[in-house]
Amino acid sequence: VFLDNKDDPKEIREQLARLVRRARKNGEAVGIGHLRERTVAVLEAEIPKLQKQGIEFVGVSELARVPKP
């Protein structure tokens, strides 16, 4: 889920909520964003709340799967 196609905090929060819904449905999801002031501010505010709800944030490399031979 692209978090910040629009550099608007409301839109970023909506995309983050979409990411969380997808993660809950599928067991995992990948969020992509830019190192922008508004994106960082939203994530700094929202991540602790989401972690309290049991959402775990990991690097994308932890989700990568190597096919079995």
PDB file of N, CA and C in Angstrom:
ATOM      1  N   VAL A   1       0.853  -1.168   0.000  1.00  0.00           N
ATOM      2  CA  VAL A   1       0.000   0.000   0.000  1.00  0.00           C
ATOM      3  C   VAL A   1       0.901   1.234   0.000  1.00  0.00           C
ATOM      4  N   PHE A   2       0.704   2.106  -0.967  1.00  0.00           N
ATOM      5  CA  PHE A   2       1.443   3.359  -1.009  1.00  0.00           C
ATOM      6  C   PHE A   2       0.811   4.314  -0.003  1.00  0.00           C
ATOM      7  N   LEU A   3       1.597   4.770   0.955  1.00  0.00           N
ATOM      8  CA  LEU A   3       1.069   5.581   2.040  1.00  0.00           C
ATOM      9  C   LEU A   3       0.921   7.047   1.688  1.00  0.00           C
ATOM     10  N   ASP A   4       1.786   7.542   0.849  1.00  0.00           N
ATOM     11  CA  ASP A   4       1.818   8.996   0.688  1.00  0.00           C
ATOM     12  C   ASP A   4       1.905   9.451  -0.766  1.00  0.00           C
ATOM     13  N   ASN A   5       1.058   8.859  -1.608  1.00  0.00           N
ATOM     14  CA  ASN A   5       0.971   9.395  -2.968  1.00  0.00           C
ATOM     15  C   ASN A   5       0.562  10.861  -2.925  1.00  0.00           C
ATOM     16  N   LYS A   6      -0.268  11.185  -1.942  1.00  0.00           N
ATOM     17  CA  LYS A   6      -0.636  12.582  -1.688  1.00  0.00           C
ATOM     18  C   LYS A   6       0.030  12.988  -0.379  1.00  0.00           C
ATOM     19  N   ASP A   7       0.710  14.105  -0.389  1.00  0.00           N
ATOM     20  CA  ASP A   7       1.431  14.587   0.790  1.00  0.00           C
ATOM     21  C   ASP A   7       0.456  15.322   1.712  1.00  0.00           C
ATOM     22  N   ASP A   8      -0.537  14.561   2.198  1.00  0.00           N
ATOM     23  CA  ASP A   8      -1.597  15.119   3.032  1.00  0.00           C
ATOM     24  C   ASP A   8      -1.804  14.192   4.227  1.00  0.00           C
ATOM     25  N   PRO A   9      -1.687  14.693   5.450  1.00  0.00           N
ATOM     26  CA  PRO A   9      -1.799  13.830   6.624  1.00  0.00           C
ATOM     27  C   PRO A   9      -3.087  13.003   6.669  1.00  0.00           C
ATOM     28  N   LYS A  10      -4.200  13.571   6.278  1.00  0.00           N
ATOM     29  CA  LYS A  10      -5.462  12.826   6.287  1.00  0.00           C
ATOM     30  C   LYS A  10      -5.384  11.634   5.331  1.00  0.00           C
ATOM     31  N   GLU A  11      -4.864  11.871   4.130  1.00  0.00           N
ATOM     32  CA  GLU A  11      -4.719  10.799   3.136  1.00  0.00           C
ATOM     33  C   GLU A  11      -3.735   9.737   3.616  1.00  0.00           C
ATOM     34  N   ILE A  12      -2.661  10.163   4.248  1.00  0.00           N
ATOM     35  CA  ILE A  12      -1.658   9.218   4.758  1.00  0.00           C
ATOM     36  C   ILE A  12      -2.284   8.340   5.834  1.00  0.00           C
ATOM     37  N   ARG A  13      -3.063   8.933   6.733  1.00  0.00           N
ATOM     38  CA  ARG A  13      -3.748   8.147   7.769  1.00  0.00           C
ATOM     39  C   ARG A  13      -4.728   7.152   7.143  1.00  0.00           C
ATOM     40  N   GLU A  14      -5.444   7.579   6.125  1.00  0.00           N
ATOM     41  CA  GLU A  14      -6.394   6.680   5.452  1.00  0.00           C
ATOM     42  C   GLU A  14      -5.666   5.501   4.800  1.00  0.00           C
ATOM     43  N   GLN A  15      -4.538   5.783   4.181  1.00  0.00           N
ATOM     44  CA  GLN A  15      -3.761   4.707   3.557  1.00  0.00           C
ATOM     45  C   GLN A  15      -3.166   3.781   4.618  1.00  0.00           C
ATOM     46  N   LEU A  16      -2.751   4.350   5.735  1.00  0.00           N
ATOM     47  CA  LEU A  16      -2.228   3.534   6.819  1.00  0.00           C
ATOM     48  C   LEU A  16      -3.327   2.616   7.361  1.00  0.00           C
ATOM     49  N   ALA A  17      -4.529   3.131   7.481  1.00  0.00           N
ATOM     50  CA  ALA A  17      -5.665   2.311   7.918  1.00  0.00           C
ATOM     51  C   ALA A  17      -5.923   1.187   6.903  1.00  0.00           C
ATOM     52  N   ARG A  18      -5.802   1.509   5.632  1.00  0.00           N
ATOM     53  CA  ARG A  18      -5.965   0.490   4.576  1.00  0.00           C
ATOM     54  C   ARG A  18      -4.896  -0.590   4.722  1.00  0.00           C
ATOM     55  N   LEU A  19      -3.675  -0.179   4.993  1.00  0.00           N
ATOM     56  CA  LEU A  19      -2.580  -1.116   5.203  1.00  0.00           C
ATOM     57  C   LEU A  19      -2.875  -2.047   6.372  1.00  0.00           C
ATOM     58  N   VAL A  20      -3.373  -1.484   7.469  1.00  0.00           N
ATOM     59  CA  VAL A  20      -3.687  -2.286   8.651  1.00  0.00           C
ATOM     60  C   VAL A  20      -4.810  -3.281   8.344  1.00  0.00           C
ATOM     61  N   ARG A  21      -5.827  -2.847   7.633  1.00  0.00           N
ATOM     62  CA  ARG A  21      -6.911  -3.762   7.260  1.00  0.00           C
ATOM     63  C   ARG A  21      -6.378  -4.926   6.422  1.00  0.00           C
ATOM     64  N   ARG A  22      -5.525  -4.615   5.482  1.00  0.00           N
ATOM     65  CA  ARG A  22      -4.954  -5.659   4.632  1.00  0.00           C
ATOM     66  C   ARG A  22      -4.089  -6.618   5.452  1.00  0.00           C
ATOM     67  N   ALA A  23      -3.313  -6.064   6.376  1.00  0.00           N
ATOM     68  CA  ALA A  23      -2.466  -6.914   7.223  1.00  0.00           C
ATOM     69  C   ALA A  23      -3.316  -7.832   8.096  1.00  0.00           C
ATOM     70  N   ARG A  24      -4.388  -7.305   8.632  1.00  0.00           N
ATOM     71  CA  ARG A  24      -5.258  -8.138   9.467  1.00  0.00           C
ATOM     72  C   ARG A  24      -5.930  -9.231   8.641  1.00  0.00           C
ATOM     73  N   LYS A  25      -6.313  -8.905   7.437  1.00  0.00           N
ATOM     74  CA  LYS A  25      -6.986  -9.870   6.567  1.00  0.00           C
ATOM     75  C   LYS A  25      -6.031 -10.965   6.096  1.00  0.00           C
ATOM     76  N   ASN A  26      -4.825 -10.568   5.681  1.00  0.00           N
ATOM     77  CA  ASN A  26      -3.880 -11.495   5.048  1.00  0.00           C
ATOM     78  C   ASN A  26      -2.758 -11.974   5.968  1.00  0.00           C
ATOM     79  N   GLY A  27      -2.664 -11.408   7.154  1.00  0.00           N
ATOM     80  CA  GLY A  27      -1.591 -11.788   8.066  1.00  0.00           C
ATOM     81  C   GLY A  27      -0.334 -10.959   7.906  1.00  0.00           C
ATOM     82  N   GLU A  28      -0.275 -10.202   6.823  1.00  0.00           N
ATOM     83  CA  GLU A  28       0.868  -9.318   6.572  1.00  0.00           C
ATOM     84  C   GLU A  28       0.520  -8.382   5.431  1.00  0.00           C
ATOM     85  N   ALA A  29       1.255  -7.284   5.357  1.00  0.00           N
ATOM     86  CA  ALA A  29       1.087  -6.312   4.273  1.00  0.00           C
ATOM     87  C   ALA A  29       2.352  -5.468   4.202  1.00  0.00           C
ATOM     88  N   VAL A  30       2.566  -4.876   3.044  1.00  0.00           N
ATOM     89  CA  VAL A  30       3.739  -4.029   2.836  1.00  0.00           C
ATOM     90  C   VAL A  30       3.272  -2.605   2.590  1.00  0.00           C
ATOM     91  N   GLY A  31       3.834  -1.692   3.370  1.00  0.00           N
ATOM     92  CA  GLY A  31       3.567  -0.267   3.187  1.00  0.00           C
ATOM     93  C   GLY A  31       4.793   0.400   2.603  1.00  0.00           C
ATOM     94  N   ILE A  32       4.550   1.300   1.661  1.00  0.00           N
ATOM     95  CA  ILE A  32       5.644   2.013   1.000  1.00  0.00           C
ATOM     96  C   ILE A  32       5.384   3.507   1.140  1.00  0.00           C
ATOM     97  N   GLY A  33       6.409   4.233   1.539  1.00  0.00           N
ATOM     98  CA  GLY A  33       6.264   5.680   1.686  1.00  0.00           C
ATOM     99  C   GLY A  33       7.581   6.385   1.460  1.00  0.00           C
ATOM    100  N   HIS A  34       7.490   7.691   1.452  1.00  0.00           N
ATOM    101  CA  HIS A  34       8.667   8.532   1.264  1.00  0.00           C
ATOM    102  C   HIS A  34       9.103   9.115   2.598  1.00  0.00           C
ATOM    103  N   LEU A  35      10.344   9.533   2.668  1.00  0.00           N
ATOM    104  CA  LEU A  35      10.865  10.187   3.861  1.00  0.00           C
ATOM    105  C   LEU A  35      10.494  11.667   3.786  1.00  0.00           C
ATOM    106  N   ARG A  36       9.193  11.908   3.975  1.00  0.00           N
ATOM    107  CA  ARG A  36       8.669  13.271   3.930  1.00  0.00           C
ATOM    108  C   ARG A  36       8.239  13.677   5.341  1.00  0.00           C
ATOM    109  N   GLU A  37       8.282  14.952   5.597  1.00  0.00           N
ATOM    110  CA  GLU A  37       7.940  15.462   6.929  1.00  0.00           C
ATOM    111  C   GLU A  37       6.553  15.009   7.385  1.00  0.00           C
ATOM    112  N   ARG A  38       5.562  15.129   6.527  1.00  0.00           N
ATOM    113  CA  ARG A  38       4.195  14.767   6.923  1.00  0.00           C
ATOM    114  C   ARG A  38       4.039  13.262   7.092  1.00  0.00           C
ATOM    115  N   THR A  39       4.683  12.490   6.246  1.00  0.00           N
ATOM    116  CA  THR A  39       4.616  11.034   6.374  1.00  0.00           C
ATOM    117  C   THR A  39       5.231  10.596   7.693  1.00  0.00           C
ATOM    118  N   VAL A  40       6.391  11.117   7.992  1.00  0.00           N
ATOM    119  CA  VAL A  40       7.083  10.765   9.240  1.00  0.00           C
ATOM    120  C   VAL A  40       6.245  11.177  10.445  1.00  0.00           C
ATOM    121  N   ALA A  41       5.656  12.356  10.402  1.00  0.00           N
ATOM    122  CA  ALA A  41       4.838  12.831  11.527  1.00  0.00           C
ATOM    123  C   ALA A  41       3.643  11.914  11.773  1.00  0.00           C
ATOM    124  N   VAL A  42       2.981  11.510  10.700  1.00  0.00           N
ATOM    125  CA  VAL A  42       1.834  10.602  10.846  1.00  0.00           C
ATOM    126  C   VAL A  42       2.300   9.267  11.420  1.00  0.00           C
ATOM    127  N   LEU A  43       3.359   8.716  10.877  1.00  0.00           N
ATOM    128  CA  LEU A  43       3.847   7.428  11.363  1.00  0.00           C
ATOM    129  C   LEU A  43       4.295   7.500  12.820  1.00  0.00           C
ATOM    130  N   GLU A  44       4.961   8.569  13.198  1.00  0.00           N
ATOM    131  CA  GLU A  44       5.390   8.722  14.592  1.00  0.00           C
ATOM    132  C   GLU A  44       4.194   8.782  15.536  1.00  0.00           C
ATOM    133  N   ALA A  45       3.102   9.373  15.079  1.00  0.00           N
ATOM    134  CA  ALA A  45       1.903   9.477  15.911  1.00  0.00           C
ATOM    135  C   ALA A  45       1.105   8.181  15.929  1.00  0.00           C
ATOM    136  N   GLU A  46       1.044   7.485  14.805  1.00  0.00           N
ATOM    137  CA  GLU A  46       0.148   6.340  14.676  1.00  0.00           C
ATOM    138  C   GLU A  46       0.770   4.993  15.028  1.00  0.00           C
ATOM    139  N   ILE A  47       2.043   4.812  14.759  1.00  0.00           N
ATOM    140  CA  ILE A  47       2.666   3.507  15.003  1.00  0.00           C
ATOM    141  C   ILE A  47       2.535   3.062  16.461  1.00  0.00           C
ATOM    142  N   PRO A  48       2.818   3.911  17.449  1.00  0.00           N
ATOM    143  CA  PRO A  48       2.656   3.443  18.835  1.00  0.00           C
ATOM    144  C   PRO A  48       1.222   2.987  19.148  1.00  0.00           C
ATOM    145  N   LYS A  49       0.232   3.667  18.608  1.00  0.00           N
ATOM    146  CA  LYS A  49      -1.163   3.269  18.822  1.00  0.00           C
ATOM    147  C   LYS A  49      -1.431   1.903  18.192  1.00  0.00           C
ATOM    148  N   LEU A  50      -0.919   1.712  16.992  1.00  0.00           N
ATOM    149  CA  LEU A  50      -1.129   0.442  16.291  1.00  0.00           C
ATOM    150  C   LEU A  50      -0.396  -0.705  16.980  1.00  0.00           C
ATOM    151  N   GLN A  51       0.778  -0.432  17.499  1.00  0.00           N
ATOM    152  CA  GLN A  51       1.522  -1.464  18.223  1.00  0.00           C
ATOM    153  C   GLN A  51       0.751  -1.904  19.465  1.00  0.00           C
ATOM    154  N   LYS A  52       0.092  -0.976  20.129  1.00  0.00           N
ATOM    155  CA  LYS A  52      -0.724  -1.326  21.295  1.00  0.00           C
ATOM    156  C   LYS A  52      -1.904  -2.218  20.899  1.00  0.00           C
ATOM    157  N   GLN A  53      -2.295  -2.157  19.631  1.00  0.00           N
ATOM    158  CA  GLN A  53      -3.384  -2.993  19.115  1.00  0.00           C
ATOM    159  C   GLN A  53      -2.865  -4.335  18.586  1.00  0.00           C
ATOM    160  N   GLY A  54      -1.559  -4.561  18.722  1.00  0.00           N
ATOM    161  CA  GLY A  54      -0.978  -5.826  18.307  1.00  0.00           C
ATOM    162  C   GLY A  54      -0.391  -5.839  16.908  1.00  0.00           C
ATOM    163  N   ILE A  55      -0.343  -4.692  16.251  1.00  0.00           N
ATOM    164  CA  ILE A  55       0.269  -4.617  14.924  1.00  0.00           C
ATOM    165  C   ILE A  55       1.786  -4.578  15.096  1.00  0.00           C
ATOM    166  N   GLU A  56       2.476  -5.457  14.391  1.00  0.00           N
ATOM    167  CA  GLU A  56       3.936  -5.511  14.450  1.00  0.00           C
ATOM    168  C   GLU A  56       4.503  -4.928  13.166  1.00  0.00           C
ATOM    169  N   PHE A  57       5.483  -4.068  13.297  1.00  0.00           N
ATOM    170  CA  PHE A  57       6.143  -3.453  12.145  1.00  0.00           C
ATOM    171  C   PHE A  57       7.521  -4.082  11.988  1.00  0.00           C
ATOM    172  N   VAL A  58       7.807  -4.568  10.784  1.00  0.00           N
ATOM    173  CA  VAL A  58       9.094  -5.192  10.482  1.00  0.00           C
ATOM    174  C   VAL A  58       9.587  -4.666   9.140  1.00  0.00           C
ATOM    175  N   GLY A  59      10.847  -4.857   8.893  1.00  0.00           N
ATOM    176  CA  GLY A  59      11.405  -4.498   7.591  1.00  0.00           C
ATOM    177  C   GLY A  59      10.898  -5.447   6.522  1.00  0.00           C
ATOM    178  N   VAL A  60      10.814  -4.961   5.316  1.00  0.00           N
ATOM    179  CA  VAL A  60      10.271  -5.775   4.223  1.00  0.00           C
ATOM    180  C   VAL A  60      11.098  -7.042   4.003  1.00  0.00           C
ATOM    181  N   SER A  61      12.372  -7.002   4.309  1.00  0.00           N
ATOM    182  CA  SER A  61      13.213  -8.192   4.123  1.00  0.00           C
ATOM    183  C   SER A  61      12.750  -9.353   4.999  1.00  0.00           C
ATOM    184  N   GLU A  62      12.088  -9.064   6.113  1.00  0.00           N
ATOM    185  CA  GLU A  62      11.581 -10.128   6.972  1.00  0.00           C
ATOM    186  C   GLU A  62      10.373 -10.825   6.349  1.00  0.00           C
ATOM    187  N   LEU A  63       9.734 -10.194   5.385  1.00  0.00           N
ATOM    188  CA  LEU A  63       8.573 -10.797   4.718  1.00  0.00           C
ATOM    189  C   LEU A  63       8.962 -11.542   3.448  1.00  0.00           C
ATOM    190  N   ALA A  64      10.196 -11.341   2.994  1.00  0.00           N
ATOM    191  CA  ALA A  64      10.648 -11.988   1.763  1.00  0.00           C
ATOM    192  C   ALA A  64      10.732 -13.491   1.989  1.00  0.00           C
ATOM    193  N   ARG A  65      10.282 -14.221   1.010  1.00  0.00           N
ATOM    194  CA  ARG A  65      10.302 -15.683   1.080  1.00  0.00           C
ATOM    195  C   ARG A  65      11.178 -16.238  -0.043  1.00  0.00           C
ATOM    196  N   VAL A  66      12.003 -17.179   0.335  1.00  0.00           N
ATOM    197  CA  VAL A  66      12.843 -17.854  -0.653  1.00  0.00           C
ATOM    198  C   VAL A  66      12.098 -19.116  -1.071  1.00  0.00           C
ATOM    199  N   PRO A  67      11.860 -19.297  -2.371  1.00  0.00           N
ATOM    200  CA  PRO A  67      11.164 -20.504  -2.814  1.00  0.00           C
ATOM    201  C   PRO A  67      11.942 -21.759  -2.445  1.00  0.00           C
ATOM    202  N   LYS A  68      11.212 -22.801  -2.086  1.00  0.00           N
ATOM    203  CA  LYS A  68      11.860 -24.074  -1.763  1.00  0.00           C
ATOM    204  C   LYS A  68      12.254 -24.766  -3.062  1.00  0.00           C
ATOM    205  N   PRO A  69      13.451 -25.372  -3.082  1.00  0.00           N
ATOM    206  CA  PRO A  69      13.896 -26.057  -4.300  1.00  0.00           C
ATOM    207  C   PRO A  69      13.055 -27.264  -4.629  1.00  0.00           C
TER     208      PRO A  69
END
